[in-house]
C-alpha atoms as a PDB file:
ATOM      1  CA  MET A   1     -38.417 -30.064 -14.467  1.00  0.00           C
ATOM      2  CA  ARG A   2     -34.699 -30.196 -14.857  1.00  0.00           C
ATOM      3  CA  PHE A   3     -34.893 -26.616 -16.370  1.00  0.00           C
ATOM      4  CA  ILE A   4     -36.710 -25.516 -13.669  1.00  0.00           C
ATOM      5  CA  LYS A   5     -34.202 -26.991 -10.886  1.00  0.00           C
ATOM      6  CA  ASP A   6     -31.205 -25.391 -13.055  1.00  0.00           C
ATOM      7  CA  TYR A   7     -33.148 -22.208 -13.413  1.00  0.00           C
ATOM      8  CA  ILE A   8     -33.483 -21.811  -9.309  1.00  0.00           C
ATOM      9  CA  ALA A   9     -29.600 -23.209  -9.149  1.00  0.00           C
ATOM     10  CA  ARG A  10     -28.379 -20.075 -10.745  1.00  0.00           C
ATOM     11  CA  VAL A  11     -30.868 -17.598  -9.438  1.00  0.00           C
ATOM     12  CA  LYS A  12     -29.898 -18.688  -6.360  1.00  0.00           C
ATOM     13  CA  ASP A  13     -25.875 -18.626  -7.142  1.00  0.00           C
ATOM     14  CA  PRO A  14     -24.525 -15.421  -5.859  1.00  0.00           C
ATOM     15  CA  LYS A  15     -21.807 -14.981  -8.554  1.00  0.00           C
ATOM     16  CA  ASN A  16     -24.217 -14.851 -11.385  1.00  0.00           C
ATOM     17  CA  PRO A  17     -26.032 -12.055 -10.690  1.00  0.00           C
ATOM     18  CA  THR A  18     -27.744 -12.155 -14.179  1.00  0.00           C
ATOM     19  CA  ALA A  19     -29.968 -14.386 -13.256  1.00  0.00           C
ATOM     20  CA  ARG A  20     -31.611 -13.087 -10.458  1.00  0.00           C
ATOM     21  CA  LEU A  21     -31.970 -10.178 -12.336  1.00  0.00           C
ATOM     22  CA  SER A  22     -33.337 -11.555 -15.058  1.00  0.00           C
ATOM     23  CA  LEU A  23     -36.012 -13.259 -12.921  1.00  0.00           C
ATOM     24  CA  ILE A  24     -37.360  -9.945 -11.021  1.00  0.00           C
ATOM     25  CA  SER A  25     -37.642  -8.526 -14.241  1.00  0.00           C
ATOM     26  CA  PHE A  26     -40.385 -11.538 -15.273  1.00  0.00           C
ATOM     27  CA  ALA A  27     -41.788 -11.073 -12.174  1.00  0.00           C
ATOM     28  CA  LEU A  28     -42.584  -7.427 -12.856  1.00  0.00           C
ATOM     29  CA  ILE A  29     -43.881  -7.849 -16.173  1.00  0.00           C
ATOM     30  CA  VAL A  30     -46.178 -10.984 -15.088  1.00  0.00           C
ATOM     31  CA  ALA A  31     -47.789  -8.841 -12.327  1.00  0.00           C
ATOM     32  CA  PHE A  32     -47.828  -5.731 -14.928  1.00  0.00           C
ATOM     33  CA  ALA A  33     -49.771  -8.011 -17.083  1.00  0.00           C
ATOM     34  CA  LEU A  34     -52.539  -9.086 -14.440  1.00  0.00           C
ATOM     35  CA  ILE A  35     -53.032  -5.950 -13.283  1.00  0.00           C
ATOM     36  CA  LEU A  36     -53.206  -4.510 -16.442  1.00  0.00           C
ATOM     37  CA  GLY A  37     -55.632  -7.774 -17.197  1.00  0.00           C
ATOM     38  CA  ASN A  38     -58.050  -7.100 -14.231  1.00  0.00           C
ATOM     39  CA  PHE A  39     -58.290  -3.095 -15.140  1.00  0.00           C
ATOM     40  CA  VAL A  40     -59.110  -4.681 -18.754  1.00  0.00           C
ATOM     41  CA  SER A  41     -61.783  -6.962 -17.430  1.00  0.00           C
ATOM     42  CA  TYR A  42     -63.151  -4.225 -15.083  1.00  0.00           C
ATOM     43  CA  TYR A  43     -63.491  -1.297 -18.265  1.00  0.00           C
ATOM     44  CA  LEU A  44     -65.054  -4.275 -20.624  1.00  0.00           C
ATOM     45  CA  ALA A  45     -67.518  -5.225 -17.853  1.00  0.00           C
ATOM     46  CA  SER A  46     -69.035  -1.532 -17.306  1.00  0.00           C
ATOM     47  CA  GLN A  47     -68.775  -1.503 -21.019  1.00  0.00           C
ATOM     48  CA  ILE A  48     -71.131  -3.955 -21.636  1.00  0.00           C
ATOM     49  CA  GLN A  49     -73.340  -3.166 -18.479  1.00  0.00           C
ATOM     50  CA  LYS A  50     -73.724   0.538 -19.676  1.00  0.00           C
ATOM     51  CA  TYR A  51     -74.620  -0.512 -23.432  1.00  0.00           C
ATOM     52  CA  GLY A  52     -75.496  -3.976 -23.793  1.00  0.00           C
ATOM     53  CA  VAL A  53     -78.453  -3.701 -21.655  1.00  0.00           C
ATOM     54  CA  ASN A  54     -80.173  -7.024 -23.023  1.00  0.00           C
ATOM     55  CA  ALA A  55     -77.020  -8.471 -22.345  1.00  0.00           C
ATOM     56  CA  SER A  56     -77.224 -11.633 -20.883  1.00  0.00           C
ATOM     57  CA  ARG A  57     -74.741 -12.891 -17.868  1.00  0.00           C
ATOM     58  CA  SER A  58     -72.740 -15.667 -19.872  1.00  0.00           C
ATOM     59  CA  ASP A  59     -72.587 -12.689 -22.676  1.00  0.00           C
ATOM     60  CA  ILE A  60     -71.236 -10.395 -20.752  1.00  0.00           C
ATOM     61  CA  ILE A  61     -68.771 -13.229 -18.781  1.00  0.00           C
ATOM     62  CA  SER A  62     -67.817 -14.569 -22.118  1.00  0.00           C
ATOM     63  CA  SER A  63     -66.831 -11.172 -23.051  1.00  0.00           C
ATOM     64  CA  ILE A  64     -64.863 -10.417 -20.525  1.00  0.00           C
ATOM     65  CA  ILE A  65     -62.490 -13.440 -20.574  1.00  0.00           C
ATOM     66  CA  THR A  66     -62.193 -12.907 -24.117  1.00  0.00           C
ATOM     67  CA  GLY A  67     -60.889  -9.257 -23.362  1.00  0.00           C
ATOM     68  CA  TRP A  68     -58.721 -10.503 -20.954  1.00  0.00           C
ATOM     69  CA  LEU A  69     -57.198 -13.709 -22.802  1.00  0.00           C
ATOM     70  CA  ILE A  70     -56.445 -11.374 -25.466  1.00  0.00           C
ATOM     71  CA  ILE A  71     -55.134  -8.757 -23.342  1.00  0.00           C
ATOM     72  CA  MET A  72     -52.650 -11.359 -21.223  1.00  0.00           C
ATOM     73  CA  PHE A  73     -51.545 -12.859 -24.405  1.00  0.00           C
ATOM     74  CA  PHE A  74     -50.187  -9.481 -25.924  1.00  0.00           C
ATOM     75  CA  VAL A  75     -48.904  -8.713 -22.672  1.00  0.00           C
ATOM     76  CA  LEU A  76     -47.168 -12.054 -21.960  1.00  0.00           C
ATOM     77  CA  VAL A  77     -45.723 -12.246 -25.590  1.00  0.00           C
ATOM     78  CA  GLY A  78     -44.660  -8.682 -24.982  1.00  0.00           C
ATOM     79  CA  GLY A  79     -43.131  -9.429 -21.848  1.00  0.00           C
ATOM     80  CA  LEU A  80     -41.279 -12.494 -22.592  1.00  0.00           C
ATOM     81  CA  VAL A  81     -39.991 -10.490 -25.819  1.00  0.00           C
ATOM     82  CA  MET A  82     -38.561  -7.775 -23.079  1.00  0.00           C
ATOM     83  CA  HIS A  83     -37.439  -9.946 -20.682  1.00  0.00           C
ATOM     84  CA  PHE A  84     -35.054 -12.327 -22.694  1.00  0.00           C
ATOM     85  CA  THR A  85     -34.044  -8.796 -24.027  1.00  0.00           C
ATOM     86  CA  LEU A  86     -33.356  -7.596 -20.822  1.00  0.00           C
ATOM     87  CA  ASN A  87     -31.469 -10.660 -19.811  1.00  0.00           C
ATOM     88  CA  ARG A  88     -29.108 -11.054 -22.535  1.00  0.00           C
ATOM     89  CA  THR A  89     -28.713  -7.744 -22.360  1.00  0.00           C
ATOM     90  CA  ILE A  90     -27.661  -8.153 -18.793  1.00  0.00           C
ATOM     91  CA  LYS A  91     -25.363 -11.190 -19.691  1.00  0.00           C
ATOM     92  CA  ARG A  92     -23.829  -9.352 -22.064  1.00  0.00           C
ATOM     93  CA  SER A  93     -22.799  -6.380 -19.642  1.00  0.00           C
ATOM     94  CA  HIS A  94     -22.079  -8.848 -16.850  1.00  0.00           C
ATOM     95  CA  GLN A  95     -19.560 -10.496 -19.647  1.00  0.00           C
ATOM     96  CA  GLN A  96     -17.990  -7.301 -20.238  1.00  0.00           C
ATOM     97  CA  ASN A  97     -17.476  -6.242 -17.136  1.00  0.00           C
ATOM     98  CA  MET A  98     -16.360  -9.375 -16.511  1.00  0.00           C
ATOM     99  CA  ILE A  99     -13.606  -8.778 -19.112  1.00  0.00           C
ATOM    100  CA  LEU A 100     -12.731  -5.410 -18.168  1.00  0.00           C
ATOM    101  CA  GLN A 101     -12.048  -6.651 -14.426  1.00  0.00           C
ATOM    102  CA  TYR A 102      -9.550  -9.345 -16.009  1.00  0.00           C
ATOM    103  CA  GLU A 103      -7.937  -6.671 -17.974  1.00  0.00           C
ATOM    104  CA  LEU A 104      -7.366  -4.457 -15.171  1.00  0.00           C
ATOM    105  CA  VAL A 105      -6.280  -6.928 -13.237  1.00  0.00           C
ATOM    106  CA  GLU A 106      -3.817  -7.613 -15.590  1.00  0.00           C
ATOM    107  CA  TYR A 107      -2.968  -4.247 -15.905  1.00  0.00           C
ATOM    108  CA  SER A 108      -2.352  -3.309 -12.306  1.00  0.00           C
ATOM    109  CA  LYS A 109      -0.177  -6.551 -12.714  1.00  0.00           C
ATOM    110  CA  GLU A 110       2.263  -5.248 -14.660  1.00  0.00           C
ATOM    111  CA  LEU A 111       1.488  -1.777 -13.296  1.00  0.00           C
ATOM    112  CA  GLU A 112       2.892  -3.005  -9.994  1.00  0.00           C
ATOM    113  CA  THR A 113       5.811  -5.038 -12.162  1.00  0.00           C
ATOM    114  CA  ASN A 114       6.692  -1.998 -13.738  1.00  0.00           C
ATOM    115  CA  ILE A 115       6.816  -0.025 -10.501  1.00  0.00           C
ATOM    116  CA  HIS A 116       8.556  -2.595  -8.278  1.00  0.00           C
ATOM    117  CA  THR A 117      11.594  -3.120 -11.146  1.00  0.00           C
ATOM    118  CA  VAL A 118      11.698   1.293 -10.962  1.00  0.00           C
ATOM    119  CA  ASN A 119      12.069   1.095  -7.215  1.00  0.00           C
ATOM    120  CA  ASP A 120      14.854  -1.597  -7.649  1.00  0.00           C
ATOM    121  CA  ILE A 121      16.723   0.422 -10.701  1.00  0.00           C
ATOM    122  CA  GLN A 122      15.944   3.466  -8.369  1.00  0.00           C
ATOM    123  CA  HIS A 123      17.783   1.692  -5.163  1.00  0.00           C
ATOM    124  CA  ALA A 124      20.450   0.429  -6.781  1.00  0.00           C
ATOM    125  CA  ALA A 125      21.619   4.003  -8.321  1.00  0.00           C
ATOM    126  CA  ILE A 126      21.175   5.341  -4.781  1.00  0.00           C
ATOM    127  CA  LEU A 127      22.806   2.434  -3.339  1.00  0.00           C
ATOM    128  CA  GLY A 128      25.796   3.142  -5.666  1.00  0.00           C
ATOM    129  CA  LEU A 129      25.922   6.902  -5.517  1.00  0.00           C
ATOM    130  CA  SER A 130      25.921   7.001  -1.990  1.00  0.00           C
ATOM    131  CA  LYS A 131      28.922   4.066  -2.195  1.00  0.00           C
ATOM    132  CA  LEU A 132      31.009   6.695  -3.317  1.00  0.00           C
ATOM    133  CA  ALA A 133      31.177   8.796   0.018  1.00  0.00           C
ATOM    134  CA  GLU A 134      31.803   5.001   2.164  1.00  0.00           C
ATOM    135  CA  TYR A 135      34.660   4.120  -0.153  1.00  0.00           C
ATOM    136  CA  ARG A 136      36.120   7.830   0.811  1.00  0.00           C
ATOM    137  CA  ASP A 137      35.417   7.054   4.353  1.00  0.00           C
ATOM    138  CA  LYS A 138      37.028   3.407   4.175  1.00  0.00           C
ATOM    139  CA  GLU A 139      33.729   1.678   5.472  1.00  0.00           C
ATOM    140  CA  THR A 140      32.848  -0.005   1.762  1.00  0.00           C
ATOM    141  CA  GLY A 141      31.228  -3.175   1.263  1.00  0.00           C
ATOM    142  CA  LEU A 142      27.698  -4.458   2.819  1.00  0.00           C
ATOM    143  CA  HIS A 143      27.409  -1.713   5.294  1.00  0.00           C
ATOM    144  CA  LEU A 144      24.667   0.135   3.375  1.00  0.00           C
ATOM    145  CA  ILE A 145      23.083  -3.333   2.583  1.00  0.00           C
ATOM    146  CA  ARG A 146      22.772  -4.214   5.806  1.00  0.00           C
ATOM    147  CA  MET A 147      21.764  -1.166   7.546  1.00  0.00           C
ATOM    148  CA  SER A 148      19.043   0.142   5.140  1.00  0.00           C
ATOM    149  CA  LEU A 149      17.709  -3.883   5.706  1.00  0.00           C
ATOM    150  CA  TYR A 150      18.068  -3.163   9.311  1.00  0.00           C
ATOM    151  CA  SER A 151      15.883   0.056   8.791  1.00  0.00           C
ATOM    152  CA  LYS A 152      13.309  -1.774   6.628  1.00  0.00           C
ATOM    153  CA  ILE A 153      12.436  -4.377   9.142  1.00  0.00           C
ATOM    154  CA  LEU A 154      12.871  -1.705  12.336  1.00  0.00           C
ATOM    155  CA  ALA A 155       9.747   0.307  10.877  1.00  0.00           C
ATOM    156  CA  GLU A 156       7.805  -2.904   9.731  1.00  0.00           C
ATOM    157  CA  GLU A 157       7.942  -3.574  13.610  1.00  0.00           C
ATOM    158  CA  LEU A 158       7.064  -0.418  14.566  1.00  0.00           C
ATOM    159  CA  SER A 159       4.238  -0.344  12.051  1.00  0.00           C
ATOM    160  CA  SER A 160       2.401  -2.809  14.604  1.00  0.00           C
ATOM    161  CA  TRP A 161       2.218  -0.593  17.670  1.00  0.00           C
ATOM    162  CA  ASP A 162      -0.635   1.085  18.175  1.00  0.00           C
ATOM    163  CA  LYS A 163       1.746   4.277  18.637  1.00  0.00           C
ATOM    164  CA  TYR A 164       3.187   4.312  14.741  1.00  0.00           C
ATOM    165  CA  LYS A 165       0.651   2.199  13.050  1.00  0.00           C
ATOM    166  CA  PHE A 166      -1.318   5.206  11.043  1.00  0.00           C
ATOM    167  CA  TYR A 167       1.897   7.069  10.538  1.00  0.00           C
ATOM    168  CA  ILE A 168       4.364   3.770   9.005  1.00  0.00           C
ATOM    169  CA  THR A 169       2.890   3.347   5.921  1.00  0.00           C
ATOM    170  CA  LYS A 170       3.910   0.498   3.740  1.00  0.00           C
ATOM    171  CA  GLU A 171       5.651   3.959   1.941  1.00  0.00           C
ATOM    172  CA  TYR A 172       6.800   5.080   4.839  1.00  0.00           C
ATOM    173  CA  ILE A 173       9.119   1.902   4.998  1.00  0.00           C
ATOM    174  CA  GLU A 174       9.922   1.370   1.339  1.00  0.00           C
ATOM    175  CA  SER A 175      11.191   5.195   1.602  1.00  0.00           C
ATOM    176  CA  ILE A 176      13.035   4.206   4.495  1.00  0.00           C
ATOM    177  CA  TYR A 177      14.805   1.629   3.282  1.00  0.00           C
ATOM    178  CA  THR A 178      15.602   3.157   0.153  1.00  0.00           C
ATOM    179  CA  SER A 179      16.784   7.129   2.280  1.00  0.00           C
ATOM    180  CA  SER A 180      18.618   5.301   4.844  1.00  0.00           C
ATOM    181  CA  VAL A 181      21.533   4.703   2.873  1.00  0.00           C
ATOM    182  CA  LEU A 182      21.870   8.046   1.744  1.00  0.00           C
ATOM    183  CA  HIS A 183      22.704   9.102   5.396  1.00  0.00           C
ATOM    184  CA  ASP A 184      25.917   9.823   5.240  1.00  0.00           C
ATOM    185  CA  ILE A 185      25.841  11.394   1.657  1.00  0.00           C
ATOM    186  CA  GLY A 186      27.113  14.522   2.678  1.00  0.00           C
ATOM    187  CA  LYS A 187      30.851  12.761   3.799  1.00  0.00           C
ATOM    188  CA  VAL A 188      31.965  13.547   0.033  1.00  0.00           C
ATOM    189  CA  GLY A 189      32.115  16.967   1.341  1.00  0.00           C
ATOM    190  CA  ILE A 190      34.516  16.225   4.013  1.00  0.00           C
ATOM    191  CA  PRO A 191      38.230  17.180   3.223  1.00  0.00           C
ATOM    192  CA  ASP A 192      40.621  14.086   3.075  1.00  0.00           C
ATOM    193  CA  ARG A 193      42.956  15.418   5.603  1.00  0.00           C
ATOM    194  CA  VAL A 194      39.922  14.836   8.075  1.00  0.00           C
ATOM    195  CA  LEU A 195      38.234  12.148   6.533  1.00  0.00           C
ATOM    196  CA  LEU A 196      40.823   9.955   6.075  1.00  0.00           C
ATOM    197  CA  LYS A 197      43.234  11.037   9.308  1.00  0.00           C
ATOM    198  CA  PRO A 198      44.021   7.983  10.979  1.00  0.00           C
ATOM    199  CA  GLY A 199      44.101   9.264  14.554  1.00  0.00           C
ATOM    200  CA  GLN A 200      41.809  11.163  16.977  1.00  0.00           C
ATOM    201  CA  PHE A 201      40.396  15.144  15.575  1.00  0.00           C
ATOM    202  CA  THR A 202      41.304  18.149  17.214  1.00  0.00           C
ATOM    203  CA  ASP A 203      38.282  20.422  17.742  1.00  0.00           C
ATOM    204  CA  GLU A 204      38.730  21.924  14.775  1.00  0.00           C
ATOM    205  CA  GLU A 205      38.775  18.772  12.871  1.00  0.00           C
ATOM    206  CA  TRP A 206      35.565  17.949  14.973  1.00  0.00           C
ATOM    207  CA  ALA A 207      34.042  20.625  13.726  1.00  0.00           C
ATOM    208  CA  ILE A 208      34.664  20.269  10.226  1.00  0.00           C
ATOM    209  CA  MET A 209      33.901  16.208  10.375  1.00  0.00           C
ATOM    210  CA  GLN A 210      30.401  17.516  11.944  1.00  0.00           C
ATOM    211  CA  THR A 211      29.077  19.331   8.685  1.00  0.00           C
ATOM    212  CA  HIS A 212      28.871  16.034   6.798  1.00  0.00           C
ATOM    213  CA  THR A 213      24.497  15.909   7.873  1.00  0.00           C
ATOM    214  CA  THR A 214      24.503  19.569   6.851  1.00  0.00           C
ATOM    215  CA  ILE A 215      26.310  19.102   3.810  1.00  0.00           C
ATOM    216  CA  GLY A 216      24.285  16.097   2.656  1.00  0.00           C
ATOM    217  CA  GLY A 217      20.903  17.398   4.245  1.00  0.00           C
ATOM    218  CA  ASP A 218      21.350  20.301   2.287  1.00  0.00           C
ATOM    219  CA  ALA A 219      22.064  18.527  -1.295  1.00  0.00           C
ATOM    220  CA  LEU A 220      18.872  16.264  -0.611  1.00  0.00           C
ATOM    221  CA  LYS A 221      16.885  19.244   0.677  1.00  0.00           C
ATOM    222  CA  ALA A 222      18.080  21.054  -3.327  1.00  0.00           C
ATOM    223  CA  ALA A 223      16.928  18.028  -4.799  1.00  0.00           C
ATOM    224  CA  SER A 224      13.682  17.642  -3.196  1.00  0.00           C
ATOM    225  CA  GLU A 225      12.770  20.602  -3.719  1.00  0.00           C
ATOM    226  CA  GLU A 226      13.726  20.612  -7.312  1.00  0.00           C
ATOM    227  CA  LEU A 227      11.577  17.289  -7.688  1.00  0.00           C
ATOM    228  CA  GLY A 228       8.915  19.102  -6.195  1.00  0.00           C
ATOM    229  CA  TYR A 229       6.336  16.774  -4.531  1.00  0.00           C
ATOM    230  CA  GLU A 230       7.617  14.839  -1.446  1.00  0.00           C
ATOM    231  CA  SER A 231       9.689  11.387  -2.061  1.00  0.00           C
ATOM    232  CA  PHE A 232      12.205   9.370  -0.764  1.00  0.00           C
ATOM    233  CA  LEU A 233      14.159  12.695  -1.020  1.00  0.00           C
ATOM    234  CA  THR A 234      12.602  14.047   1.351  1.00  0.00           C
ATOM    235  CA  MET A 235      12.871  11.354   4.341  1.00  0.00           C
ATOM    236  CA  GLY A 236      16.557  11.221   2.899  1.00  0.00           C
ATOM    237  CA  LYS A 237      16.795  14.784   3.674  1.00  0.00           C
ATOM    238  CA  ASP A 238      15.763  14.028   7.675  1.00  0.00           C
ATOM    239  CA  VAL A 239      17.772  11.284   7.666  1.00  0.00           C
ATOM    240  CA  ALA A 240      21.253  13.444   6.477  1.00  0.00           C
ATOM    241  CA  TYR A 241      20.278  15.944   8.878  1.00  0.00           C
ATOM    242  CA  PHE A 242      19.222  14.704  12.120  1.00  0.00           C
ATOM    243  CA  HIS A 243      21.293  10.911  11.921  1.00  0.00           C
ATOM    244  CA  HIS A 244      23.937  11.866  14.676  1.00  0.00           C
ATOM    245  CA  GLU A 245      21.349  13.844  17.255  1.00  0.00           C
ATOM    246  CA  ASN A 246      21.148  12.241  20.389  1.00  0.00           C
ATOM    247  CA  PHE A 247      17.477  11.211  21.924  1.00  0.00           C
ATOM    248  CA  ASP A 248      18.834  12.947  25.250  1.00  0.00           C
ATOM    249  CA  GLY A 249      19.343  16.132  22.679  1.00  0.00           C
ATOM    250  CA  LYS A 250      23.211  16.361  23.018  1.00  0.00           C
ATOM    251  CA  GLY A 251      23.863  15.497  19.298  1.00  0.00           C
ATOM    252  CA  TYR A 252      24.756  17.578  16.629  1.00  0.00           C
ATOM    253  CA  PRO A 253      24.697  19.672  14.785  1.00  0.00           C
ATOM    254  CA  ASN A 254      21.366  21.040  16.336  1.00  0.00           C
ATOM    255  CA  GLY A 255      21.213  19.393  19.671  1.00  0.00           C
ATOM    256  CA  VAL A 256      17.320  18.772  19.052  1.00  0.00           C
ATOM    257  CA  THR A 257      16.056  15.956  21.540  1.00  0.00           C
ATOM    258  CA  GLY A 258      13.295  13.274  21.611  1.00  0.00           C
ATOM    259  CA  ASP A 259      10.243  13.487  19.356  1.00  0.00           C
ATOM    260  CA  GLU A 260      11.975  16.935  17.721  1.00  0.00           C
ATOM    261  CA  ILE A 261      13.817  14.486  15.534  1.00  0.00           C
ATOM    262  CA  PRO A 262      12.350  12.489  12.715  1.00  0.00           C
ATOM    263  CA  LEU A 263      11.549   9.138  13.295  1.00  0.00           C
ATOM    264  CA  SER A 264      13.237   7.863  10.348  1.00  0.00           C
ATOM    265  CA  ALA A 265      16.266   9.576  11.440  1.00  0.00           C
ATOM    266  CA  ARG A 266      15.932   7.488  15.003  1.00  0.00           C
ATOM    267  CA  ILE A 267      15.459   4.641  13.170  1.00  0.00           C
ATOM    268  CA  VAL A 268      18.244   4.884  10.866  1.00  0.00           C
ATOM    269  CA  ALA A 269      20.883   5.849  13.410  1.00  0.00           C
ATOM    270  CA  PHE A 270      19.752   3.123  15.597  1.00  0.00           C
ATOM    271  CA  ALA A 271      20.272   0.574  12.634  1.00  0.00           C
ATOM    272  CA  ASP A 272      23.706   2.467  11.633  1.00  0.00           C
ATOM    273  CA  ALA A 273      24.748   2.346  15.343  1.00  0.00           C
ATOM    274  CA  TYR A 274      23.899  -2.115  15.293  1.00  0.00           C
ATOM    275  CA  ASP A 275      25.992  -2.011  11.726  1.00  0.00           C
ATOM    276  CA  ALA A 276      29.272  -0.342  12.797  1.00  0.00           C
ATOM    277  CA  ILE A 277      29.449  -2.221  16.655  1.00  0.00           C
ATOM    278  CA  THR A 278      28.812  -5.881  14.842  1.00  0.00           C
ATOM    279  CA  SER A 279      31.084  -5.227  11.976  1.00  0.00           C
ATOM    280  CA  LYS A 280      34.913  -4.748  11.651  1.00  0.00           C
ATOM    281  CA  ARG A 281      36.502  -1.379  11.099  1.00  0.00           C
ATOM    282  CA  VAL A 282      40.011  -0.928  10.263  1.00  0.00           C
ATOM    283  CA  TYR A 283      40.559   0.985  13.635  1.00  0.00           C
ATOM    284  CA  LYS A 284      38.846  -2.102  15.712  1.00  0.00           C
ATOM    285  CA  GLU A 285      37.286  -5.696  15.699  1.00  0.00           C
ATOM    286  CA  ALA A 286      33.881  -6.204  14.999  1.00  0.00           C
ATOM    287  CA  GLN A 287      31.983  -7.001  18.587  1.00  0.00           C
ATOM    288  CA  GLY A 288      29.493  -9.686  19.035  1.00  0.00           C
ATOM    289  CA  TYR A 289      25.723  -9.764  18.915  1.00  0.00           C
ATOM    290  CA  GLU A 290      25.427  -9.809  22.993  1.00  0.00           C
ATOM    291  CA  GLU A 291      27.985  -7.155  23.419  1.00  0.00           C
ATOM    292  CA  ALA A 292      26.169  -5.166  20.588  1.00  0.00           C
ATOM    293  CA  LYS A 293      23.083  -5.385  22.395  1.00  0.00           C
ATOM    294  CA  ASP A 294      24.526  -4.549  26.021  1.00  0.00           C
ATOM    295  CA  MET A 295      25.850  -1.708  24.194  1.00  0.00           C
ATOM    296  CA  LEU A 296      22.641  -0.685  22.526  1.00  0.00           C
ATOM    297  CA  ARG A 297      20.816  -1.108  25.866  1.00  0.00           C
ATOM    298  CA  LYS A 298      22.655   1.253  27.890  1.00  0.00           C
ATOM    299  CA  SER A 299      22.451   4.016  25.034  1.00  0.00           C
ATOM    300  CA  SER A 300      19.032   3.457  25.383  1.00  0.00           C
ATOM    301  CA  GLY A 301      17.090   6.940  26.463  1.00  0.00           C
ATOM    302  CA  LYS A 302      20.513   8.548  25.941  1.00  0.00           C
ATOM    303  CA  ARG A 303      21.889   8.545  22.498  1.00  0.00           C
ATOM    304  CA  TYR A 304      18.957   6.281  20.620  1.00  0.00           C
ATOM    305  CA  ASP A 305      15.360   6.348  21.236  1.00  0.00           C
ATOM    306  CA  PRO A 306      13.971   3.622  23.547  1.00  0.00           C
ATOM    307  CA  ASP A 307      11.643   2.457  21.287  1.00  0.00           C
ATOM    308  CA  MET A 308      13.864   1.592  19.118  1.00  0.00           C
ATOM    309  CA  PHE A 309      15.408  -0.645  21.195  1.00  0.00           C
ATOM    310  CA  ASP A 310      12.213  -2.435  22.910  1.00  0.00           C
ATOM    311  CA  ALA A 311      11.364  -2.368  18.910  1.00  0.00           C
ATOM    312  CA  PHE A 312      14.436  -4.393  18.298  1.00  0.00           C
ATOM    313  CA  LEU A 313      14.242  -6.567  21.087  1.00  0.00           C
ATOM    314  CA  ASN A 314      11.367  -7.837  19.503  1.00  0.00           C
ATOM    315  CA  ILE A 315      12.819  -8.843  16.051  1.00  0.00           C
ATOM    316  CA  GLU A 316      16.953  -9.408  17.199  1.00  0.00           C
ATOM    317  CA  ASP A 317      16.501 -12.840  15.487  1.00  0.00           C
ATOM    318  CA  LYS A 318      15.577 -11.052  11.897  1.00  0.00           C
ATOM    319  CA  PHE A 319      18.827  -8.284  12.445  1.00  0.00           C
ATOM    320  CA  ILE A 320      21.139 -11.264  13.149  1.00  0.00           C
ATOM    321  CA  GLU A 321      20.113 -12.893  10.200  1.00  0.00           C
ATOM    322  CA  ILE A 322      20.449  -9.748   7.950  1.00  0.00           C
ATOM    323  CA  ALA A 323      23.759  -9.860   9.828  1.00  0.00           C
ATOM    324  CA  GLU A 324      25.341 -13.287   9.123  1.00  0.00           C
ATOM    325  CA  GLU A 325      23.603 -13.469   5.081  1.00  0.00           C
ATOM    326  CA  HIS A 326      25.375 -10.250   4.310  1.00  0.00           C
ATOM    327  CA  LYS A 327      28.782 -10.893   6.349  1.00  0.00           C
ATOM    328  CA  GLU A 328      31.769  -9.550   4.761  1.00  0.00           C
ATOM    329  CA  GLN A 329      33.829 -11.779   3.407  1.00  0.00           C
ATOM    330  CA  ALA A 330      38.143 -11.918   4.113  1.00  0.00           C
END
């Protein structure tokens, strides 16, 4: 009885398809034996009636039962052999599948770890490259780290909005985290007499300064085309070209407006502005968080996409946490 109870428990277990399949196969074999036995019995009865005219009723019944038992014996023995063979094969196959699934999970974990390692190395290398431009502009330190984190959490917040949830993917968020630091890479092409000038620019100098967007965009475009497929460099190109475009069309270099500005550039522009306002520069003191929010509110819909400000309000506490965690030391 215990064997039967254990077998029934294994059959009911959804994690053990082997027992259920073996039971089905055994039931099919028994059904086949019964059907075959009935056909054989019918055939024997008809033959006895045809050729054994003098046979008694008891002889006919005895012959039918004997023939039926013989057939059932061989069918059942063969069925049991087939049943246990199939059961063993299914169990072995199930075990092999479990081993393969385990190996696949372990391989996936290892692959994911390697991907994260490569991404971390890639981001560190890009961050170092981008700092070359920042060093020349005297905006060194943790500026790039802060604004890349601002860009990332802003993209994460927007990804929960119906308007953006099918556009901002996990890969998009990782790309903007990496590519955001490339926004001012074009400053390496600006002459020192302009980039390092302590006073206000002349019209000619301001025109030269504005070319850092196209210098950086062109360089990243060439690198992206050399790579041959879309990557963080593709997004970096858009960020470099468009991060000084205004939502109302009064920015540079092309004066595009609204959704004509790539979303990545709108995100990075807002993140960069928040960090510029709340950080100390050689030419100004850092503003408080409330002052920064008021300044960004006034520029919403003009300099910045209103969606960026609305998203910022939902995660302002995270912006402050990043600012405090990565604050410049005196």
